[in-house]
C-alpha atoms as a PDB file:
ATOM      1  CA  MET A   1       0.000   0.000   0.000  1.00  0.00           C
ATOM      2  CA  SER A   2       1.496   3.443  -0.995  1.00  0.00           C
ATOM      3  CA  ASP A   3       1.754   6.426   1.391  1.00  0.00           C
ATOM      4  CA  GLU A   4      -0.652   8.513  -0.751  1.00  0.00           C
ATOM      5  CA  GLU A   5      -3.501   6.055  -0.302  1.00  0.00           C
ATOM      6  CA  GLU A   6      -5.481   6.385   2.972  1.00  0.00           C
ATOM      7  CA  ASP A   7      -6.004   3.411   5.141  1.00  0.00           C
ATOM      8  CA  TYR A   8      -9.775   3.246   5.659  1.00  0.00           C
ATOM      9  CA  MET A   9      -9.283   0.853   8.571  1.00  0.00           C
ATOM     10  CA  SER A  10      -7.166   3.376  10.580  1.00  0.00           C
ATOM     11  CA  ASP A  11      -8.440   5.977  13.085  1.00  0.00           C
ATOM     12  CA  ALA A  12      -6.700   8.897  11.392  1.00  0.00           C
ATOM     13  CA  PHE A  13     -10.029  10.574  10.529  1.00  0.00           C
ATOM     14  CA  LEU A  14     -10.882  10.899  14.238  1.00  0.00           C
ATOM     15  CA  SER A  15      -8.136  13.496  14.744  1.00  0.00           C
ATOM     16  CA  LYS A  16      -9.831  15.809  12.211  1.00  0.00           C
ATOM     17  CA  ILE A  17     -13.153  15.930  14.137  1.00  0.00           C
ATOM     18  CA  GLN A  18     -13.683  18.792  16.640  1.00  0.00           C
ATOM     19  CA  ASP A  19     -13.663  17.612  20.222  1.00  0.00           C
ATOM     20  CA  VAL A  20     -17.164  18.335  21.569  1.00  0.00           C
ATOM     21  CA  LYS A  21     -18.017  17.121  25.041  1.00  0.00           C
ATOM     22  CA  PRO A  22     -21.548  15.729  25.153  1.00  0.00           C
ATOM     23  CA  GLY A  23     -24.072  16.522  27.835  1.00  0.00           C
ATOM     24  CA  VAL A  24     -23.805  19.633  30.002  1.00  0.00           C
ATOM     25  CA  SER A  25     -21.948  21.947  27.630  1.00  0.00           C
ATOM     26  CA  MET A  26     -24.419  21.385  24.786  1.00  0.00           C
ATOM     27  CA  VAL A  27     -27.435  21.984  27.040  1.00  0.00           C
ATOM     28  CA  ARG A  28     -25.879  25.183  28.422  1.00  0.00           C
ATOM     29  CA  ARG A  29     -25.306  26.559  24.922  1.00  0.00           C
ATOM     30  CA  VAL A  30     -28.904  25.817  23.907  1.00  0.00           C
ATOM     31  CA  LYS A  31     -30.281  27.520  27.025  1.00  0.00           C
ATOM     32  CA  GLU A  32     -28.098  30.578  26.483  1.00  0.00           C
ATOM     33  CA  SER A  33     -29.264  30.801  22.875  1.00  0.00           C
ATOM     34  CA  MET A  34     -32.944  30.593  23.893  1.00  0.00           C
ATOM     35  CA  LYS A  35     -32.373  33.225  26.594  1.00  0.00           C
ATOM     36  CA  ARG A  36     -30.782  35.615  24.096  1.00  0.00           C
ATOM     37  CA  GLU A  37     -33.716  35.133  21.706  1.00  0.00           C
ATOM     38  CA  ALA A  38     -36.236  35.883  24.472  1.00  0.00           C
ATOM     39  CA  GLU A  39     -34.344  39.037  25.522  1.00  0.00           C
ATOM     40  CA  GLN A  40     -34.216  40.192  21.918  1.00  0.00           C
ATOM     41  CA  LYS A  41     -37.996  39.704  21.538  1.00  0.00           C
ATOM     42  CA  GLU A  42     -38.629  41.751  24.701  1.00  0.00           C
ATOM     43  CA  LYS A  43     -36.400  44.545  23.413  1.00  0.00           C
ATOM     44  CA  ASN A  44     -38.229  44.533  20.094  1.00  0.00           C
ATOM     45  CA  ILE A  45     -41.600  44.778  21.855  1.00  0.00           C
ATOM     46  CA  LYS A  46     -40.411  47.685  24.036  1.00  0.00           C
ATOM     47  CA  ASN A  47     -38.798  49.557  21.166  1.00  0.00           C
ATOM     48  CA  ARG A  48     -41.767  49.029  18.832  1.00  0.00           C
ATOM     49  CA  GLN A  49     -43.663  52.178  17.974  1.00  0.00           C
ATOM     50  CA  LYS A  50     -47.210  51.895  19.325  1.00  0.00           C
ATOM     51  CA  THR A  51     -50.102  52.632  17.002  1.00  0.00           C
ATOM     52  CA  TYR A  52     -52.468  55.530  17.534  1.00  0.00           C
ATOM     53  CA  LYS A  53     -55.289  53.188  18.629  1.00  0.00           C
ATOM     54  CA  GLU A  54     -53.075  51.484  21.202  1.00  0.00           C
ATOM     55  CA  GLN A  55     -51.955  54.828  22.616  1.00  0.00           C
ATOM     56  CA  GLU A  56     -55.552  56.060  22.737  1.00  0.00           C
ATOM     57  CA  LYS A  57     -56.677  52.887  24.525  1.00  0.00           C
ATOM     58  CA  GLU A  58     -53.910  53.108  27.123  1.00  0.00           C
ATOM     59  CA  SER A  59     -54.603  56.753  27.859  1.00  0.00           C
ATOM     60  CA  ARG A  60     -58.346  56.106  28.132  1.00  0.00           C
ATOM     61  CA  GLU A  61     -57.877  53.177  30.537  1.00  0.00           C
ATOM     62  CA  SER A  62     -55.463  55.123  32.713  1.00  0.00           C
ATOM     63  CA  ALA A  63     -57.885  58.057  32.839  1.00  0.00           C
ATOM     64  CA  LEU A  64     -60.832  55.850  33.763  1.00  0.00           C
ATOM     65  CA  GLN A  65     -58.876  54.128  36.535  1.00  0.00           C
ATOM     66  CA  SER A  66     -57.858  57.395  38.186  1.00  0.00           C
ATOM     67  CA  SER A  67     -60.387  59.507  40.093  1.00  0.00           C
ATOM     68  CA  ILE A  68     -61.288  63.072  39.164  1.00  0.00           C
ATOM     69  CA  SER A  69     -58.931  65.587  40.709  1.00  0.00           C
ATOM     70  CA  ASN A  70     -59.786  68.948  42.277  1.00  0.00           C
ATOM     71  CA  GLU A  71     -58.418  70.685  39.201  1.00  0.00           C
ATOM     72  CA  ASN A  72     -61.400  69.499  37.189  1.00  0.00           C
ATOM     73  CA  LYS A  73     -63.844  72.418  36.805  1.00  0.00           C
ATOM     74  CA  GLY A  74     -66.942  70.302  36.998  1.00  0.00           C
ATOM     75  CA  PHE A  75     -65.752  68.561  40.140  1.00  0.00           C
ATOM     76  CA  ALA A  76     -64.843  71.900  41.676  1.00  0.00           C
ATOM     77  CA  LEU A  77     -68.390  73.228  41.040  1.00  0.00           C
ATOM     78  CA  LEU A  78     -69.874  70.136  42.680  1.00  0.00           C
ATOM     79  CA  GLN A  79     -67.685  70.641  45.754  1.00  0.00           C
ATOM     80  CA  LYS A  80     -68.853  74.253  46.044  1.00  0.00           C
ATOM     81  CA  MET A  81     -72.439  72.952  46.115  1.00  0.00           C
ATOM     82  CA  GLY A  82     -71.603  70.597  49.002  1.00  0.00           C
ATOM     83  CA  TYR A  83     -70.641  67.446  47.128  1.00  0.00           C
ATOM     84  CA  LYS A  84     -68.042  65.170  48.705  1.00  0.00           C
ATOM     85  CA  ALA A  85     -65.931  62.493  47.007  1.00  0.00           C
ATOM     86  CA  GLY A  86     -67.609  59.066  47.161  1.00  0.00           C
ATOM     87  CA  GLN A  87     -71.059  60.542  47.811  1.00  0.00           C
ATOM     88  CA  GLY A  88     -74.016  59.667  45.552  1.00  0.00           C
ATOM     89  CA  LEU A  89     -75.596  62.257  43.335  1.00  0.00           C
ATOM     90  CA  GLY A  90     -78.912  63.904  44.155  1.00  0.00           C
ATOM     91  CA  LYS A  91     -80.362  65.925  46.952  1.00  0.00           C
ATOM     92  CA  GLU A  92     -80.290  63.017  49.404  1.00  0.00           C
ATOM     93  CA  GLY A  93     -77.103  61.443  48.020  1.00  0.00           C
ATOM     94  CA  ALA A  94     -78.921  58.303  46.822  1.00  0.00           C
ATOM     95  CA  GLY A  95     -77.971  58.642  43.150  1.00  0.00           C
ATOM     96  CA  ARG A  96     -75.139  57.244  41.058  1.00  0.00           C
ATOM     97  CA  VAL A  97     -71.730  57.013  42.721  1.00  0.00           C
ATOM     98  CA  ASP A  98     -69.631  55.620  39.857  1.00  0.00           C
ATOM     99  CA  PRO A  99     -69.405  57.443  36.530  1.00  0.00           C
ATOM    100  CA  ILE A 100     -71.363  56.206  33.531  1.00  0.00           C
ATOM    101  CA  PRO A 101     -69.273  53.522  31.793  1.00  0.00           C
ATOM    102  CA  LEU A 102     -67.785  54.397  28.443  1.00  0.00           C
ATOM    103  CA  ASN A 103     -68.780  52.147  25.544  1.00  0.00           C
ATOM    104  CA  ILE A 104     -66.646  52.682  22.463  1.00  0.00           C
ATOM    105  CA  LYS A 105     -68.433  51.960  19.188  1.00  0.00           C
ATOM    106  CA  ILE A 106     -66.103  50.041  16.886  1.00  0.00           C
ATOM    107  CA  ASP A 107     -68.463  49.118  14.037  1.00  0.00           C
ATOM    108  CA  ARG A 108     -70.167  51.249  11.407  1.00  0.00           C
ATOM    109  CA  GLY A 109     -73.783  50.374  12.313  1.00  0.00           C
ATOM    110  CA  GLY A 110     -76.229  53.207  12.866  1.00  0.00           C
ATOM    111  CA  ILE A 111     -78.184  54.039  16.008  1.00  0.00           C
ATOM    112  CA  GLY A 112     -80.620  51.230  16.871  1.00  0.00           C
ATOM    113  CA  MET A 113     -78.704  48.645  14.868  1.00  0.00           C
ATOM    114  CA  GLU A 114     -77.981  46.567  17.970  1.00  0.00           C
ATOM    115  CA  GLU A 115     -81.697  46.352  18.802  1.00  0.00           C
ATOM    116  CA  VAL A 116     -82.465  45.216  15.272  1.00  0.00           C
ATOM    117  CA  LYS A 117     -79.772  42.533  15.434  1.00  0.00           C
ATOM    118  CA  LYS A 118     -81.017  41.397  18.825  1.00  0.00           C
ATOM    119  CA  ARG A 119     -84.610  41.188  17.585  1.00  0.00           C
ATOM    120  CA  LYS A 120     -83.555  39.230  14.499  1.00  0.00           C
ATOM    121  CA  ALA A 121     -81.518  36.821  16.629  1.00  0.00           C
ATOM    122  CA  GLU A 122     -84.521  36.254  18.922  1.00  0.00           C
ATOM    123  CA  GLU A 123     -86.803  35.665  15.911  1.00  0.00           C
ATOM    124  CA  GLU A 124     -84.349  33.167  14.413  1.00  0.00           C
ATOM    125  CA  LEU A 125     -84.075  31.391  17.760  1.00  0.00           C
ATOM    126  CA  GLU A 126     -87.869  31.186  18.095  1.00  0.00           C
ATOM    127  CA  HIS A 127     -88.167  29.934  14.507  1.00  0.00           C
ATOM    128  CA  TYR A 128     -85.561  27.262  15.246  1.00  0.00           C
ATOM    129  CA  ARG A 129     -87.423  26.212  18.392  1.00  0.00           C
ATOM    130  CA  GLN A 130     -90.709  25.956  16.458  1.00  0.00           C
ATOM    131  CA  LYS A 131     -88.980  23.872  13.823  1.00  0.00           C
ATOM    132  CA  ILE A 132     -87.596  21.508  16.480  1.00  0.00           C
ATOM    133  CA  ARG A 133     -91.024  21.213  18.147  1.00  0.00           C
ATOM    134  CA  ALA A 134     -92.692  20.468  14.804  1.00  0.00           C
ATOM    135  CA  LYS A 135     -90.059  17.837  14.044  1.00  0.00           C
ATOM    136  CA  GLN A 136     -90.585  16.193  17.431  1.00  0.00           C
ATOM    137  CA  GLN A 137     -94.358  16.203  16.935  1.00  0.00           C
ATOM    138  CA  ASN A 138     -93.982  14.631  13.488  1.00  0.00           C
ATOM    139  CA  GLU A 139     -91.666  11.952  14.872  1.00  0.00           C
ATOM    140  CA  THR A 140     -94.132  11.206  17.694  1.00  0.00           C
ATOM    141  CA  LYS A 141     -97.035  11.058  15.242  1.00  0.00           C
ATOM    142  CA  SER A 142     -95.081   8.820  12.886  1.00  0.00           C
ATOM    143  CA  LEU A 143     -94.220   6.494  15.755  1.00  0.00           C
ATOM    144  CA  GLU A 144     -97.868   6.349  16.868  1.00  0.00           C
ATOM    145  CA  ASP A 145     -99.005   5.707  13.281  1.00  0.00           C
ATOM    146  CA  PHE A 146     -96.443   2.941  12.930  1.00  0.00           C
ATOM    147  CA  ARG A 147     -97.544   1.300  16.171  1.00  0.00           C
ATOM    148  CA  SER A 148    -101.202   1.594  15.162  1.00  0.00           C
ATOM    149  CA  ARG A 149    -100.437   0.127  11.739  1.00  0.00           C
ATOM    150  CA  VAL A 150     -98.501  -2.778  13.252  1.00  0.00           C
ATOM    151  CA  ARG A 151    -101.285  -3.376  15.750  1.00  0.00           C
ATOM    152  CA  THR A 152    -103.898  -3.327  12.950  1.00  0.00           C
ATOM    153  CA  GLU A 153    -101.873  -5.692  10.768  1.00  0.00           C
ATOM    154  CA  LYS A 154    -101.423  -8.064  13.706  1.00  0.00           C
ATOM    155  CA  GLU A 155    -105.158  -8.051  14.434  1.00  0.00           C
ATOM    156  CA  GLU A 156    -105.939  -8.641  10.743  1.00  0.00           C
ATOM    157  CA  ARG A 157    -103.575 -11.617  10.627  1.00  0.00           C
ATOM    158  CA  LYS A 158    -105.206 -12.994  13.776  1.00  0.00           C
ATOM    159  CA  ILE A 159    -108.697 -12.624  12.268  1.00  0.00           C
ATOM    160  CA  GLU A 160    -107.561 -14.300   9.039  1.00  0.00           C
ATOM    161  CA  GLY A 161    -106.186 -17.238  11.023  1.00  0.00           C
ATOM    162  CA  GLU A 162    -109.384 -17.611  13.067  1.00  0.00           C
ATOM    163  CA  LEU A 163    -111.467 -17.440   9.880  1.00  0.00           C
ATOM    164  CA  THR A 164    -109.413 -20.213   8.269  1.00  0.00           C
ATOM    165  CA  ARG A 165    -109.859 -22.388  11.364  1.00  0.00           C
ATOM    166  CA  SER A 166    -113.590 -21.728  11.328  1.00  0.00           C
ATOM    167  CA  GLN A 167    -113.866 -22.670   7.627  1.00  0.00           C
ATOM    168  CA  ARG A 168    -112.045 -25.942   8.165  1.00  0.00           C
ATOM    169  CA  ALA A 169    -114.165 -26.788  11.204  1.00  0.00           C
ATOM    170  CA  CYS A 170    -117.335 -25.901   9.284  1.00  0.00           C
ATOM    171  CA  GLU A 171    -116.386 -28.143   6.379  1.00  0.00           C
ATOM    172  CA  GLN A 172    -115.615 -31.037   8.710  1.00  0.00           C
ATOM    173  CA  LEU A 173    -118.788 -30.661  10.793  1.00  0.00           C
ATOM    174  CA  ASP A 174    -120.998 -30.213   7.709  1.00  0.00           C
ATOM    175  CA  SER A 175    -119.493 -33.347   6.173  1.00  0.00           C
ATOM    176  CA  GLN A 176    -120.247 -35.290   9.355  1.00  0.00           C
ATOM    177  CA  LYS A 177    -123.917 -34.268   9.041  1.00  0.00           C
ATOM    178  CA  GLY A 178    -124.023 -35.212   5.364  1.00  0.00           C
ATOM    179  CA  ILE A 179    -123.999 -31.636   4.032  1.00  0.00           C
ATOM    180  CA  THR A 180    -122.203 -31.683   0.692  1.00  0.00           C
ATOM    181  CA  VAL A 181    -122.644 -28.063  -0.342  1.00  0.00           C
ATOM    182  CA  PRO A 182    -121.799 -25.150   1.999  1.00  0.00           C
ATOM    183  CA  ARG A 183    -124.451 -22.549   2.739  1.00  0.00           C
ATOM    184  CA  GLU A 184    -122.123 -19.916   1.302  1.00  0.00           C
ATOM    185  CA  ASP A 185    -119.045 -20.477  -0.824  1.00  0.00           C
ATOM    186  CA  TRP A 186    -116.749 -18.901   1.741  1.00  0.00           C
ATOM    187  CA  TYR A 187    -118.092 -21.109   4.594  1.00  0.00           C
ATOM    188  CA  TRP A 188    -115.588 -23.742   3.508  1.00  0.00           C
ATOM    189  CA  PRO A 189    -111.944 -23.289   2.475  1.00  0.00           C
ATOM    190  CA  GLN A 190    -112.034 -22.238  -1.164  1.00  0.00           C
ATOM    191  CA  ALA A 191    -110.047 -24.476  -3.520  1.00  0.00           C
ATOM    192  CA  ALA A 192    -108.242 -23.074  -6.562  1.00  0.00           C
ATOM    193  CA  ALA A 193    -110.464 -22.957  -9.659  1.00  0.00           C
ATOM    194  CA  ASP A 194    -109.372 -25.082 -12.561  1.00  0.00           C
ATOM    195  CA  ASP A 195    -111.116 -23.251 -15.386  1.00  0.00           C
ATOM    196  CA  GLU A 196    -110.810 -19.609 -16.298  1.00  0.00           C
ATOM    197  CA  GLU A 197    -114.544 -19.430 -16.910  1.00  0.00           C
ATOM    198  CA  ASP A 198    -115.214 -20.287 -13.269  1.00  0.00           C
ATOM    199  CA  ASP A 199    -112.876 -17.497 -12.213  1.00  0.00           C
ATOM    200  CA  LEU A 200    -114.685 -14.951 -14.373  1.00  0.00           C
ATOM    201  CA  LYS A 201    -118.049 -16.153 -13.114  1.00  0.00           C
ATOM    202  CA  GLU A 202    -116.961 -15.815  -9.496  1.00  0.00           C
ATOM    203  CA  GLU A 203    -115.631 -12.300 -10.121  1.00  0.00           C
ATOM    204  CA  GLU A 204    -118.969 -11.243 -11.642  1.00  0.00           C
ATOM    205  CA  GLU A 205    -120.870 -12.669  -8.678  1.00  0.00           C
ATOM    206  CA  LEU A 206    -118.575 -10.885  -6.243  1.00  0.00           C
ATOM    207  CA  GLU A 207    -119.161  -7.577  -8.024  1.00  0.00           C
ATOM    208  CA  GLU A 208    -122.913  -7.990  -7.771  1.00  0.00           C
ATOM    209  CA  THR A 209    -122.929  -8.915  -4.078  1.00  0.00           C
ATOM    210  CA  VAL A 210    -121.690  -6.766  -1.209  1.00  0.00           C
ATOM    211  CA  GLU A 211    -118.144  -7.795  -0.280  1.00  0.00           C
ATOM    212  CA  LEU A 212    -117.757  -8.832   3.355  1.00  0.00           C
ATOM    213  CA  THR A 213    -114.667  -8.220   5.397  1.00  0.00           C
ATOM    214  CA  SER A 214    -112.812 -11.012   7.159  1.00  0.00           C
ATOM    215  CA  PHE A 215    -114.193  -9.806  10.483  1.00  0.00           C
ATOM    216  CA  ASP A 216    -117.792  -9.929   9.187  1.00  0.00           C
ATOM    217  CA  LYS A 217    -117.242 -13.407   7.772  1.00  0.00           C
ATOM    218  CA  LEU A 218    -115.780 -14.596  11.074  1.00  0.00           C
ATOM    219  CA  GLN A 219    -118.781 -13.331  13.035  1.00  0.00           C
ATOM    220  CA  ILE A 220    -121.278 -14.930  10.643  1.00  0.00           C
ATOM    221  CA  LEU A 221    -119.414 -18.241  10.491  1.00  0.00           C
ATOM    222  CA  THR A 222    -118.929 -18.528  14.279  1.00  0.00           C
ATOM    223  CA  SER A 223    -122.647 -17.835  14.762  1.00  0.00           C
ATOM    224  CA  TYR A 224    -123.416 -20.598  12.246  1.00  0.00           C
ATOM    225  CA  LEU A 225    -121.108 -23.044  14.006  1.00  0.00           C
ATOM    226  CA  ARG A 226    -122.554 -22.226  17.422  1.00  0.00           C
ATOM    227  CA  GLY A 227    -126.171 -22.339  16.263  1.00  0.00           C
ATOM    228  CA  ILE A 228    -126.058 -25.419  13.994  1.00  0.00           C
ATOM    229  CA  HIS A 229    -123.195 -27.533  15.349  1.00  0.00           C
ATOM    230  CA  PHE A 230    -122.907 -26.131  18.921  1.00  0.00           C
ATOM    231  CA  TYR A 231    -119.180 -25.685  18.258  1.00  0.00           C
ATOM    232  CA  CYS A 232    -116.878 -22.925  19.564  1.00  0.00           C
ATOM    233  CA  ILE A 233    -113.612 -22.401  17.706  1.00  0.00           C
ATOM    234  CA  TRP A 234    -111.948 -20.674  20.686  1.00  0.00           C
ATOM    235  CA  CYS A 235    -112.881 -23.490  23.072  1.00  0.00           C
ATOM    236  CA  GLY A 236    -112.210 -26.118  20.389  1.00  0.00           C
ATOM    237  CA  THR A 237    -115.146 -28.142  21.699  1.00  0.00           C
ATOM    238  CA  THR A 238    -118.443 -29.421  20.281  1.00  0.00           C
ATOM    239  CA  TYR A 239    -121.096 -29.146  22.989  1.00  0.00           C
ATOM    240  CA  ASN A 240    -124.149 -31.406  23.393  1.00  0.00           C
ATOM    241  CA  ASP A 241    -126.820 -28.753  22.922  1.00  0.00           C
ATOM    242  CA  GLU A 242    -127.445 -25.028  23.177  1.00  0.00           C
ATOM    243  CA  ASP A 243    -127.841 -25.079  26.964  1.00  0.00           C
ATOM    244  CA  ASP A 244    -124.521 -26.880  27.344  1.00  0.00           C
ATOM    245  CA  LEU A 245    -122.883 -24.317  25.038  1.00  0.00           C
ATOM    246  CA  CYS A 246    -124.300 -21.301  26.883  1.00  0.00           C
ATOM    247  CA  SER A 247    -123.443 -22.633  30.336  1.00  0.00           C
ATOM    248  CA  ASN A 248    -119.865 -23.834  29.630  1.00  0.00           C
ATOM    249  CA  CYS A 249    -118.593 -21.470  26.898  1.00  0.00           C
ATOM    250  CA  PRO A 250    -117.376 -18.048  28.138  1.00  0.00           C
ATOM    251  CA  GLY A 251    -118.802 -16.190  25.150  1.00  0.00           C
ATOM    252  CA  ASP A 252    -119.069 -15.816  21.402  1.00  0.00           C
ATOM    253  CA  THR A 253    -115.969 -13.610  20.857  1.00  0.00           C
ATOM    254  CA  ALA A 254    -112.230 -14.057  21.214  1.00  0.00           C
ATOM    255  CA  ALA A 255    -112.112 -11.397  23.931  1.00  0.00           C
ATOM    256  CA  ASP A 256    -114.429 -13.470  26.123  1.00  0.00           C
ATOM    257  CA  HIS A 257    -111.924 -16.345  26.041  1.00  0.00           C
ATOM    258  CA  GLU A 258    -108.864 -14.278  27.082  1.00  0.00           C
END
């Protein structure tokens, strides 16, 4: 290896690095630097030329904090009339003690503008409250309508189920007595029609007659079962005669059996 070439495995490069002691010395330099920056900022704030508004504000605050001196002409006139410092105004000294506070107007609104803004804010707040109340009322009404609709649908499904049970019981009891044709078509469970002509004929007959609701059909059919077969669908029992039915059955409606 020649003398000109550097030995990368040697520690010769360490002698070229500046000897810096870690720890305390570095922290002290940082603190001194931060202290100098803070002192410079304070000097800049003190030496800064204050604006006219800042000077006016400072002079106004200092004047308001200090009491009126005897050199003031108005105060001197009050003292000649018997007024003493700290005494209330008026003949009996029951009036204002402190001076009227000074309110500096900083916007460009005219006289009465604050009242208009206040009134508008109150109107907007009242409008918002009315809107919230209307929304709450609509939500309550929607919830009540939903509950009523669910309750109605549940009752309709219950009536449909009781009607189907009554039709099956009627068909079975009529067959036991040798009745081959129901008194009305809907007294028995209706089977699907095979021919289209039968469907059209049934539709024409339904249009001519008054359509009964499921509740009306249930009432008519249960009366038929109780009067002809002495059978109660809610009890699920065929009684011996009418006296047995009246004495042992709670009633002729579902509510009587609850």
